[in-house]
Structures are given as C-alpha cells and as structure tokens.
C-alpha cells in the first residue's frame, strides 16, 4: 500500500481526492478532516433568479 498522505498536503479538487481515496492514499476520515477545516462562506452567496418571460 502506498504511503499515507495527511489532509494538509492533499489537493482540494474533489476529482483528485476521489482518485486518492480509491488508490488507498487517503481515507474517508482524512477527507472529513479536510472538510471540517474549510471556512463557511455561505454569507457570500447570492440568490440568482431566472426569468422565463424573456425570449
């Protein structure tokens, strides 16, 4: 089995995380630890409305 990688050194790209998980380089626990470290930026979200009337 390849050497394990800690959560700080892995890329945040979900495609890379999935590949590393499938190859056994990281665990689900490592991914959950990385997710917990992400800041909550929900206050920066904006509502987007789509008008169906315009053609």
Protein backbone atom coordinates (compact mmCIF):
# COMPACT_ATOMS: atom_id res chain seq x y z
CA UNK A 1 0.00 0.00 0.00
CA UNK A 2 1.31 3.49 -0.84
CA UNK A 3 2.42 5.90 1.87
CA UNK A 4 -0.46 7.73 3.51
CA UNK A 5 -0.82 11.46 2.93
CA UNK A 6 -2.03 13.86 5.60
CA UNK A 7 -5.03 16.13 4.98
CA UNK A 8 -2.92 19.30 4.78
CA UNK A 9 -0.89 18.13 1.80
CA UNK A 10 -3.67 16.93 -0.50
CA UNK A 11 -5.35 18.99 -3.15
CA UNK A 12 -8.89 20.23 -2.53
CA UNK A 13 -10.02 19.16 -6.00
CA UNK A 14 -12.72 16.53 -5.50
CA UNK A 15 -11.54 14.54 -8.53
CA UNK A 16 -8.05 14.19 -7.07
CA UNK A 17 -9.47 13.37 -3.64
CA UNK A 18 -11.66 10.65 -5.15
CA UNK A 19 -8.71 9.14 -7.03
CA UNK A 20 -6.51 9.18 -3.92
CA UNK A 21 -9.33 7.59 -1.90
CA UNK A 22 -9.76 4.82 -4.48
CA UNK A 23 -6.00 4.19 -4.53
CA UNK A 24 -5.84 4.00 -0.74
CA UNK A 25 -3.58 7.04 -0.40
CA UNK A 26 -6.10 8.78 1.87
CA UNK A 27 -9.03 7.63 3.96
CA UNK A 28 -12.58 8.87 4.30
CA UNK A 29 -11.52 10.14 7.73
CA UNK A 30 -8.80 12.28 6.07
CA UNK A 31 -11.36 13.79 3.71
CA UNK A 32 -13.77 14.55 6.56
CA UNK A 33 -10.94 16.27 8.46
CA UNK A 34 -10.19 18.41 5.40
CA UNK A 35 -13.86 19.34 5.01
CA UNK A 36 -14.05 20.43 8.66
CA UNK A 37 -11.17 22.85 8.06
CA UNK A 38 -12.96 24.65 5.21
CA UNK A 39 -14.33 28.08 6.11
CA UNK A 40 -18.08 28.74 5.99
CA UNK A 41 -18.55 31.30 3.22
CA UNK A 42 -22.31 30.92 2.86
CA UNK A 43 -22.79 34.61 3.67
CA UNK A 44 -21.13 35.40 0.32
CA UNK A 45 -23.82 33.55 -1.66
CA UNK A 46 -26.21 35.49 -3.86
CA UNK A 47 -29.66 34.41 -4.99
CA UNK A 48 -29.98 34.11 -8.77
CA UNK A 49 -33.38 34.38 -10.41
CA UNK A 50 -34.07 33.23 -13.94
CA UNK A 51 -36.86 34.97 -15.83
CA UNK A 52 -38.81 32.61 -18.07
CA UNK A 53 -40.67 35.52 -19.72
CA UNK A 54 -37.68 36.75 -21.75
CA UNK A 55 -37.12 35.11 -25.13
